[in-house]
Amino acid sequence: MNKKLNKQDVRNRISKLSEALLGQPEDVSLEEAQELLAVAEFDMDSVSANLYRRLYKEAQQYWMAGKTLPPLLKQALDNLRPLTEPPRNEQELGKQARARVERIVEEAKIFPVLPHTQSSEFQVSAYRNKRDLTTKDRSLLDEIAEDMKNDVHRQDKEK
């Protein structure tokens, strides 16, 4: 390709090639697309963050001129808003909490499950080295640890 192509021609060419390789967008399920992107180590979060920054700069021009944002730009900013941004309302707070919980659950699935032995040893000692715990707090934590230990032993006996 020796001739100069404008941006629209390049986009059309890329679309044509990707459709030839992958098929029409409706031919690829969401799960398959996510799997393909994961296998290709395509970082959707960084792409979304970069796109958000670009759109945010565009939006700033409207705000500085005292104009209202076009509806599609506003929707794109809302959809691409990174979870690392402070929440503006309860809906965003819920969205961030849900995403964090999902991430924690996914990370927990990665860890191997430890085999249970007949005599499980259960210890909760992470808080014991804390210096600023009151005696009451330490006592409550000891009670909770003892209850958890008893639950584990009771589960072992039921097996």
N, C-alpha and C. Protein backbone atom coordinates (compact mmCIF):
# COMPACT_ATOMS: atom_id res chain seq x y z
N MET A 1 0.84 -1.18 0.00
CA MET A 1 0.00 0.00 0.00
C MET A 1 0.88 1.24 0.00
N ASN A 2 1.08 1.78 -1.16
CA ASN A 2 1.91 2.97 -1.29
C ASN A 2 1.12 4.26 -1.22
N LYS A 3 -0.17 4.20 -1.53
CA LYS A 3 -0.94 5.43 -1.52
C LYS A 3 -1.26 5.87 -0.09
N LYS A 4 -1.45 7.17 0.08
CA LYS A 4 -1.78 7.73 1.40
C LYS A 4 -3.25 7.50 1.68
N LEU A 5 -3.53 6.95 2.85
CA LEU A 5 -4.90 6.70 3.25
C LEU A 5 -5.30 7.69 4.33
N ASN A 6 -6.56 8.14 4.27
CA ASN A 6 -7.02 9.00 5.36
C ASN A 6 -7.51 8.11 6.50
N LYS A 7 -7.82 8.73 7.63
CA LYS A 7 -8.19 7.95 8.82
C LYS A 7 -9.42 7.09 8.59
N GLN A 8 -10.40 7.61 7.88
CA GLN A 8 -11.62 6.85 7.63
C GLN A 8 -11.33 5.61 6.79
N ASP A 9 -10.45 5.75 5.79
CA ASP A 9 -10.07 4.59 4.97
C ASP A 9 -9.35 3.54 5.80
N VAL A 10 -8.50 3.99 6.70
CA VAL A 10 -7.77 3.06 7.57
C VAL A 10 -8.75 2.32 8.48
N ARG A 11 -9.70 3.06 9.09
CA ARG A 11 -10.70 2.42 9.96
C ARG A 11 -11.52 1.39 9.18
N ASN A 12 -11.92 1.77 7.97
CA ASN A 12 -12.70 0.85 7.15
C ASN A 12 -11.91 -0.41 6.83
N ARG A 13 -10.63 -0.22 6.52
CA ARG A 13 -9.77 -1.37 6.19
C ARG A 13 -9.60 -2.28 7.41
N ILE A 14 -9.37 -1.70 8.58
CA ILE A 14 -9.23 -2.48 9.81
C ILE A 14 -10.53 -3.23 10.11
N SER A 15 -11.66 -2.57 9.95
CA SER A 15 -12.95 -3.22 10.19
C SER A 15 -13.15 -4.39 9.24
N LYS A 16 -12.81 -4.17 7.98
CA LYS A 16 -12.97 -5.22 6.97
C LYS A 16 -12.09 -6.43 7.30
N LEU A 17 -10.83 -6.17 7.68
CA LEU A 17 -9.92 -7.26 8.02
C LEU A 17 -10.36 -8.00 9.29
N SER A 18 -10.79 -7.26 10.30
CA SER A 18 -11.20 -7.92 11.55
C SER A 18 -12.47 -8.73 11.33
N GLU A 19 -13.39 -8.24 10.51
CA GLU A 19 -14.60 -9.01 10.22
C GLU A 19 -14.26 -10.28 9.43
N ALA A 20 -13.25 -10.17 8.55
CA ALA A 20 -12.83 -11.35 7.79
C ALA A 20 -12.21 -12.40 8.72
N LEU A 21 -11.47 -11.93 9.73
CA LEU A 21 -10.83 -12.85 10.67
C LEU A 21 -11.80 -13.39 11.72
N LEU A 22 -12.59 -12.51 12.30
CA LEU A 22 -13.41 -12.88 13.45
C LEU A 22 -14.89 -13.04 13.13
N GLY A 23 -15.33 -12.53 12.00
CA GLY A 23 -16.76 -12.54 11.69
C GLY A 23 -17.39 -11.25 12.15
N GLN A 24 -18.69 -11.16 11.98
CA GLN A 24 -19.43 -9.98 12.41
C GLN A 24 -19.43 -9.90 13.93
N PRO A 25 -19.55 -8.70 14.49
CA PRO A 25 -19.56 -8.58 15.96
C PRO A 25 -20.62 -9.46 16.62
N GLU A 26 -21.78 -9.59 16.00
CA GLU A 26 -22.83 -10.41 16.60
C GLU A 26 -22.51 -11.91 16.54
N ASP A 27 -21.50 -12.30 15.75
CA ASP A 27 -21.10 -13.70 15.66
C ASP A 27 -20.23 -14.13 16.83
N VAL A 28 -19.70 -13.18 17.59
CA VAL A 28 -18.81 -13.48 18.70
C VAL A 28 -19.55 -13.18 20.00
N SER A 29 -19.68 -14.20 20.85
CA SER A 29 -20.37 -13.99 22.13
C SER A 29 -19.49 -13.17 23.07
N LEU A 30 -20.10 -12.59 24.07
CA LEU A 30 -19.37 -11.80 25.06
C LEU A 30 -18.31 -12.65 25.76
N GLU A 31 -18.68 -13.88 26.12
CA GLU A 31 -17.75 -14.77 26.82
C GLU A 31 -16.55 -15.11 25.93
N GLU A 32 -16.83 -15.38 24.65
CA GLU A 32 -15.74 -15.71 23.72
C GLU A 32 -14.82 -14.51 23.53
N ALA A 33 -15.40 -13.32 23.40
CA ALA A 33 -14.60 -12.11 23.22
C ALA A 33 -13.71 -11.88 24.45
N GLN A 34 -14.29 -12.05 25.64
CA GLN A 34 -13.50 -11.86 26.86
C GLN A 34 -12.38 -12.89 26.95
N GLU A 35 -12.68 -14.12 26.58
CA GLU A 35 -11.66 -15.17 26.61
C GLU A 35 -10.54 -14.88 25.61
N LEU A 36 -10.90 -14.46 24.40
CA LEU A 36 -9.89 -14.14 23.39
C LEU A 36 -9.00 -12.99 23.84
N LEU A 37 -9.62 -11.97 24.43
CA LEU A 37 -8.84 -10.84 24.92
C LEU A 37 -7.93 -11.24 26.07
N ALA A 38 -8.41 -12.12 26.94
CA ALA A 38 -7.59 -12.57 28.07
C ALA A 38 -6.42 -13.40 27.58
N VAL A 39 -6.65 -14.29 26.61
CA VAL A 39 -5.58 -15.12 26.07
C VAL A 39 -4.53 -14.26 25.38
N ALA A 40 -5.00 -13.20 24.72
CA ALA A 40 -4.07 -12.30 24.03
C ALA A 40 -3.40 -11.31 24.99
N GLU A 41 -3.74 -11.44 26.28
CA GLU A 41 -3.22 -10.55 27.33
C GLU A 41 -3.51 -9.10 27.00
N PHE A 42 -4.70 -8.86 26.51
CA PHE A 42 -5.17 -7.52 26.17
C PHE A 42 -5.72 -6.90 27.43
N ASP A 43 -5.13 -5.82 27.89
CA ASP A 43 -5.52 -5.19 29.15
C ASP A 43 -6.64 -4.18 28.90
N MET A 44 -7.86 -4.65 29.08
CA MET A 44 -9.03 -3.82 28.84
C MET A 44 -9.08 -2.62 29.79
N ASP A 45 -8.62 -2.81 31.02
CA ASP A 45 -8.65 -1.73 32.00
C ASP A 45 -7.79 -0.55 31.56
N SER A 46 -6.59 -0.83 31.05
CA SER A 46 -5.72 0.28 30.64
C SER A 46 -6.26 0.96 29.38
N VAL A 47 -6.85 0.18 28.47
CA VAL A 47 -7.45 0.77 27.28
C VAL A 47 -8.62 1.67 27.68
N SER A 48 -9.45 1.18 28.59
CA SER A 48 -10.59 1.97 29.06
C SER A 48 -10.12 3.23 29.77
N ALA A 49 -9.08 3.11 30.60
CA ALA A 49 -8.55 4.27 31.32
C ALA A 49 -7.99 5.31 30.35
N ASN A 50 -7.26 4.85 29.34
CA ASN A 50 -6.71 5.78 28.35
C ASN A 50 -7.82 6.47 27.57
N LEU A 51 -8.82 5.72 27.16
CA LEU A 51 -9.94 6.30 26.43
C LEU A 51 -10.70 7.29 27.30
N TYR A 52 -10.88 6.94 28.58
CA TYR A 52 -11.55 7.85 29.51
C TYR A 52 -10.79 9.17 29.61
N ARG A 53 -9.46 9.09 29.75
CA ARG A 53 -8.65 10.32 29.85
C ARG A 53 -8.81 11.19 28.61
N ARG A 54 -8.81 10.56 27.43
CA ARG A 54 -8.96 11.31 26.19
C ARG A 54 -10.33 11.97 26.11
N LEU A 55 -11.37 11.22 26.47
CA LEU A 55 -12.72 11.78 26.43
C LEU A 55 -12.91 12.86 27.49
N TYR A 56 -12.26 12.67 28.64
CA TYR A 56 -12.35 13.67 29.71
C TYR A 56 -11.74 14.99 29.26
N LYS A 57 -10.59 14.93 28.57
CA LYS A 57 -9.98 16.15 28.03
C LYS A 57 -10.91 16.83 27.04
N GLU A 58 -11.58 16.03 26.22
CA GLU A 58 -12.55 16.57 25.27
C GLU A 58 -13.70 17.24 26.02
N ALA A 59 -14.17 16.61 27.09
CA ALA A 59 -15.27 17.15 27.88
C ALA A 59 -14.86 18.45 28.57
N GLN A 60 -13.60 18.55 28.97
CA GLN A 60 -13.14 19.76 29.63
C GLN A 60 -13.28 20.98 28.72
N GLN A 61 -13.10 20.79 27.43
CA GLN A 61 -13.26 21.90 26.49
C GLN A 61 -14.70 22.40 26.51
N TYR A 62 -15.66 21.48 26.59
CA TYR A 62 -17.06 21.88 26.68
C TYR A 62 -17.32 22.62 27.99
N TRP A 63 -16.79 22.08 29.08
CA TRP A 63 -17.03 22.69 30.39
C TRP A 63 -16.42 24.09 30.46
N MET A 64 -15.21 24.24 29.94
CA MET A 64 -14.56 25.56 29.98
C MET A 64 -15.31 26.57 29.11
N ALA A 65 -15.95 26.11 28.06
CA ALA A 65 -16.72 27.00 27.18
C ALA A 65 -18.13 27.22 27.73
N GLY A 66 -18.47 26.55 28.83
CA GLY A 66 -19.79 26.70 29.43
C GLY A 66 -20.89 25.99 28.66
N LYS A 67 -20.52 25.02 27.85
CA LYS A 67 -21.49 24.28 27.05
C LYS A 67 -21.84 22.96 27.75
N THR A 68 -23.00 22.42 27.42
CA THR A 68 -23.37 21.11 27.95
C THR A 68 -22.71 20.03 27.09
N LEU A 69 -22.46 18.91 27.72
CA LEU A 69 -21.82 17.81 27.00
C LEU A 69 -22.80 17.15 26.05
N PRO A 70 -22.34 16.72 24.89
CA PRO A 70 -23.20 15.93 24.02
C PRO A 70 -23.58 14.63 24.75
N PRO A 71 -24.79 14.15 24.55
CA PRO A 71 -25.26 12.97 25.30
C PRO A 71 -24.35 11.75 25.15
N LEU A 72 -23.84 11.50 23.95
CA LEU A 72 -22.98 10.32 23.78
C LEU A 72 -21.65 10.46 24.51
N LEU A 73 -21.11 11.67 24.55
CA LEU A 73 -19.86 11.90 25.29
C LEU A 73 -20.11 11.71 26.78
N LYS A 74 -21.22 12.25 27.27
CA LYS A 74 -21.56 12.07 28.69
C LYS A 74 -21.74 10.59 29.03
N GLN A 75 -22.44 9.86 28.17
CA GLN A 75 -22.65 8.42 28.40
C GLN A 75 -21.33 7.66 28.36
N ALA A 76 -20.45 8.02 27.42
CA ALA A 76 -19.15 7.34 27.33
C ALA A 76 -18.33 7.60 28.58
N LEU A 77 -18.34 8.84 29.08
CA LEU A 77 -17.60 9.15 30.31
C LEU A 77 -18.16 8.36 31.48
N ASP A 78 -19.48 8.25 31.57
CA ASP A 78 -20.09 7.49 32.66
C ASP A 78 -19.74 6.01 32.56
N ASN A 79 -19.78 5.47 31.34
CA ASN A 79 -19.50 4.04 31.15
C ASN A 79 -18.04 3.70 31.37
N LEU A 80 -17.14 4.60 31.01
CA LEU A 80 -15.71 4.32 31.08
C LEU A 80 -15.06 4.81 32.37
N ARG A 81 -15.82 5.46 33.23
CA ARG A 81 -15.25 6.02 34.46
C ARG A 81 -14.55 4.92 35.23
N PRO A 82 -13.23 5.09 35.47
CA PRO A 82 -12.46 4.05 36.18
C PRO A 82 -12.97 3.87 37.62
N LEU A 83 -12.89 2.64 38.08
CA LEU A 83 -13.31 2.35 39.45
C LEU A 83 -12.38 2.97 40.48
N THR A 84 -11.22 3.44 40.02
CA THR A 84 -10.28 4.06 40.95
C THR A 84 -10.66 5.50 41.25
N GLU A 85 -11.55 6.07 40.45
CA GLU A 85 -12.02 7.43 40.70
C GLU A 85 -12.95 7.42 41.91
N PRO A 86 -12.94 8.50 42.71
CA PRO A 86 -13.85 8.53 43.85
C PRO A 86 -15.31 8.51 43.38
N PRO A 87 -16.17 7.77 44.07
CA PRO A 87 -17.57 7.69 43.63
C PRO A 87 -18.27 9.03 43.80
N ARG A 88 -19.15 9.36 42.83
CA ARG A 88 -19.89 10.61 42.88
C ARG A 88 -21.26 10.43 43.51
N ASN A 89 -21.75 9.19 43.54
CA ASN A 89 -23.07 8.94 44.10
C ASN A 89 -23.13 7.49 44.60
N GLU A 90 -24.26 7.11 45.15
CA GLU A 90 -24.39 5.77 45.72
C GLU A 90 -24.34 4.68 44.66
N GLN A 91 -24.83 4.99 43.48
CA GLN A 91 -24.80 4.00 42.39
C GLN A 91 -23.35 3.66 42.03
N GLU A 92 -22.50 4.68 41.93
CA GLU A 92 -21.09 4.43 41.63
C GLU A 92 -20.40 3.71 42.78
N LEU A 93 -20.77 4.05 43.99
CA LEU A 93 -20.21 3.36 45.16
C LEU A 93 -20.56 1.88 45.12
N GLY A 94 -21.81 1.58 44.79
CA GLY A 94 -22.23 0.19 44.66
C GLY A 94 -21.50 -0.53 43.54
N LYS A 95 -21.31 0.17 42.43
CA LYS A 95 -20.60 -0.42 41.28
C LYS A 95 -19.15 -0.74 41.66
N GLN A 96 -18.50 0.18 42.38
CA GLN A 96 -17.12 -0.05 42.82
C GLN A 96 -17.06 -1.21 43.80
N ALA A 97 -17.99 -1.26 44.73
CA ALA A 97 -18.00 -2.35 45.73
C ALA A 97 -18.21 -3.69 45.04
N ARG A 98 -19.14 -3.74 44.09
CA ARG A 98 -19.41 -4.99 43.38
C ARG A 98 -18.17 -5.45 42.62
N ALA A 99 -17.49 -4.51 41.95
CA ALA A 99 -16.29 -4.87 41.19
C ALA A 99 -15.18 -5.37 42.10
N ARG A 100 -15.02 -4.74 43.26
CA ARG A 100 -13.99 -5.19 44.20
C ARG A 100 -14.29 -6.58 44.73
N VAL A 101 -15.55 -6.82 45.06
CA VAL A 101 -15.93 -8.15 45.56
C VAL A 101 -15.70 -9.20 44.49
N GLU A 102 -16.10 -8.89 43.25
CA GLU A 102 -15.89 -9.84 42.15
C GLU A 102 -14.40 -10.14 41.97
N ARG A 103 -13.56 -9.10 42.05
CA ARG A 103 -12.12 -9.29 41.90
C ARG A 103 -11.57 -10.15 43.03
N ILE A 104 -12.02 -9.93 44.25
CA ILE A 104 -11.56 -10.72 45.39
C ILE A 104 -11.99 -12.17 45.24
N VAL A 105 -13.22 -12.39 44.80
CA VAL A 105 -13.70 -13.75 44.59
C VAL A 105 -12.89 -14.45 43.51
N GLU A 106 -12.61 -13.75 42.41
CA GLU A 106 -11.81 -14.33 41.33
C GLU A 106 -10.40 -14.68 41.83
N GLU A 107 -9.81 -13.79 42.62
CA GLU A 107 -8.47 -14.06 43.15
C GLU A 107 -8.51 -15.24 44.12
N ALA A 108 -9.58 -15.35 44.88
CA ALA A 108 -9.70 -16.46 45.83
C ALA A 108 -9.82 -17.79 45.10
N LYS A 109 -10.40 -17.79 43.92
CA LYS A 109 -10.54 -19.02 43.14
C LYS A 109 -9.19 -19.54 42.67
N ILE A 110 -8.22 -18.64 42.56
CA ILE A 110 -6.89 -19.01 42.07
C ILE A 110 -6.14 -19.83 43.11
N PHE A 111 -6.31 -19.50 44.39
CA PHE A 111 -5.57 -20.19 45.44
C PHE A 111 -6.05 -21.63 45.56
N PRO A 112 -5.11 -22.57 45.73
CA PRO A 112 -5.54 -23.95 45.89
C PRO A 112 -6.23 -24.15 47.23
N VAL A 113 -7.17 -25.05 47.24
CA VAL A 113 -7.86 -25.37 48.48
C VAL A 113 -6.98 -26.30 49.29
N LEU A 114 -6.73 -25.93 50.52
CA LEU A 114 -5.89 -26.75 51.38
C LEU A 114 -6.67 -27.97 51.84
N PRO A 115 -6.05 -29.15 51.79
CA PRO A 115 -6.78 -30.35 52.22
C PRO A 115 -7.03 -30.30 53.73
N HIS A 116 -8.23 -30.78 54.10
CA HIS A 116 -8.57 -30.81 55.52
C HIS A 116 -8.01 -32.09 56.13
N THR A 117 -7.37 -31.94 57.26
CA THR A 117 -6.88 -33.12 57.98
C THR A 117 -7.86 -33.42 59.10
N GLN A 118 -7.68 -34.55 59.73
CA GLN A 118 -8.59 -34.94 60.81
C GLN A 118 -8.48 -33.99 61.99
N SER A 119 -7.31 -33.49 62.27
CA SER A 119 -7.16 -32.58 63.40
C SER A 119 -6.68 -31.22 62.89
N SER A 120 -7.62 -30.40 62.52
CA SER A 120 -7.27 -29.08 61.99
C SER A 120 -6.73 -28.20 63.10
N GLU A 121 -5.66 -27.57 62.81
CA GLU A 121 -5.13 -26.58 63.74
C GLU A 121 -5.61 -25.22 63.26
N PHE A 122 -6.20 -24.49 64.13
CA PHE A 122 -6.76 -23.20 63.75
C PHE A 122 -6.17 -22.16 64.67
N GLN A 123 -5.54 -21.16 64.06
CA GLN A 123 -4.97 -20.10 64.87
C GLN A 123 -5.30 -18.76 64.24
N VAL A 124 -5.68 -17.84 65.09
CA VAL A 124 -5.90 -16.47 64.66
C VAL A 124 -4.97 -15.63 65.52
N SER A 125 -3.93 -15.15 64.90
CA SER A 125 -2.96 -14.42 65.72
C SER A 125 -2.50 -13.12 65.07
N ALA A 126 -3.08 -12.75 63.94
CA ALA A 126 -2.61 -11.56 63.24
C ALA A 126 -2.77 -10.30 64.08
N TYR A 127 -3.79 -10.26 64.89
CA TYR A 127 -4.04 -9.05 65.68
C TYR A 127 -3.21 -9.00 66.96
N ARG A 128 -2.61 -10.07 67.36
CA ARG A 128 -1.92 -10.13 68.66
C ARG A 128 -0.75 -9.16 68.76
N ASN A 129 -0.13 -8.82 67.64
CA ASN A 129 1.02 -7.92 67.68
C ASN A 129 0.61 -6.45 67.58
N LYS A 130 -0.68 -6.18 67.43
CA LYS A 130 -1.14 -4.79 67.36
C LYS A 130 -0.98 -4.14 68.72
N ARG A 131 -0.41 -2.96 68.73
CA ARG A 131 -0.14 -2.28 70.00
C ARG A 131 -1.31 -1.42 70.48
N ASP A 132 -2.11 -0.93 69.54
CA ASP A 132 -3.15 0.01 69.93
C ASP A 132 -4.52 -0.65 70.15
N LEU A 133 -4.54 -1.94 70.49
CA LEU A 133 -5.79 -2.61 70.83
C LEU A 133 -6.06 -2.45 72.32
N THR A 134 -7.30 -2.15 72.62
CA THR A 134 -7.67 -2.05 74.03
C THR A 134 -7.85 -3.46 74.58
N THR A 135 -7.89 -3.56 75.87
CA THR A 135 -8.07 -4.86 76.52
C THR A 135 -9.42 -5.45 76.13
N LYS A 136 -10.42 -4.60 76.03
CA LYS A 136 -11.76 -5.06 75.63
C LYS A 136 -11.73 -5.61 74.20
N ASP A 137 -11.08 -4.88 73.29
CA ASP A 137 -10.97 -5.34 71.90
C ASP A 137 -10.24 -6.68 71.82
N ARG A 138 -9.14 -6.78 72.53
CA ARG A 138 -8.36 -8.02 72.53
C ARG A 138 -9.21 -9.18 73.08
N SER A 139 -9.99 -8.91 74.11
CA SER A 139 -10.85 -9.94 74.70
C SER A 139 -11.91 -10.39 73.70
N LEU A 140 -12.53 -9.43 73.01
CA LEU A 140 -13.54 -9.77 72.00
C LEU A 140 -12.93 -10.58 70.86
N LEU A 141 -11.76 -10.18 70.41
CA LEU A 141 -11.10 -10.91 69.33
C LEU A 141 -10.72 -12.32 69.78
N ASP A 142 -10.30 -12.47 71.03
CA ASP A 142 -9.99 -13.80 71.56
C ASP A 142 -11.23 -14.68 71.57
N GLU A 143 -12.38 -14.10 71.96
CA GLU A 143 -13.64 -14.86 71.97
C GLU A 143 -14.01 -15.31 70.56
N ILE A 144 -13.90 -14.41 69.60
CA ILE A 144 -14.23 -14.75 68.21
C ILE A 144 -13.30 -15.84 67.70
N ALA A 145 -12.01 -15.71 68.00
CA ALA A 145 -11.05 -16.72 67.57
C ALA A 145 -11.37 -18.08 68.18
N GLU A 146 -11.76 -18.09 69.44
CA GLU A 146 -12.11 -19.34 70.13
C GLU A 146 -13.36 -19.96 69.50
N ASP A 147 -14.36 -19.11 69.21
CA ASP A 147 -15.58 -19.61 68.55
C ASP A 147 -15.25 -20.21 67.19
N MET A 148 -14.40 -19.55 66.43
CA MET A 148 -14.03 -20.05 65.10
C MET A 148 -13.27 -21.38 65.24
N LYS A 149 -12.39 -21.45 66.21
CA LYS A 149 -11.63 -22.67 66.43
C LYS A 149 -12.57 -23.82 66.79
N ASN A 150 -13.55 -23.54 67.63
CA ASN A 150 -14.53 -24.56 68.01
C ASN A 150 -15.35 -25.00 66.80
N ASP A 151 -15.73 -24.06 65.94
CA ASP A 151 -16.48 -24.40 64.74
C ASP A 151 -15.68 -25.32 63.83
N VAL A 152 -14.40 -25.03 63.67
CA VAL A 152 -13.54 -25.86 62.81
C VAL A 152 -13.43 -27.27 63.39
N HIS A 153 -13.23 -27.36 64.69
CA HIS A 153 -13.11 -28.68 65.33
C HIS A 153 -14.43 -29.45 65.23
N ARG A 154 -15.55 -28.75 65.37
CA ARG A 154 -16.85 -29.41 65.28
C ARG A 154 -17.07 -29.92 63.85
N GLN A 155 -16.67 -29.14 62.86
CA GLN A 155 -16.80 -29.58 61.46
C GLN A 155 -15.92 -30.80 61.19
N ASP A 156 -14.72 -30.83 61.78
CA ASP A 156 -13.83 -31.98 61.61
C ASP A 156 -14.45 -33.24 62.20
N LYS A 157 -15.11 -33.11 63.33
CA LYS A 157 -15.72 -34.27 63.99
C LYS A 157 -16.92 -34.77 63.21
N GLU A 158 -17.62 -33.89 62.52
CA GLU A 158 -18.79 -34.29 61.73
C GLU A 158 -18.39 -35.05 60.48
N LYS A 159 -17.18 -34.93 60.03
CA LYS A 159 -16.71 -35.60 58.80
C LYS A 159 -16.60 -37.04 58.99
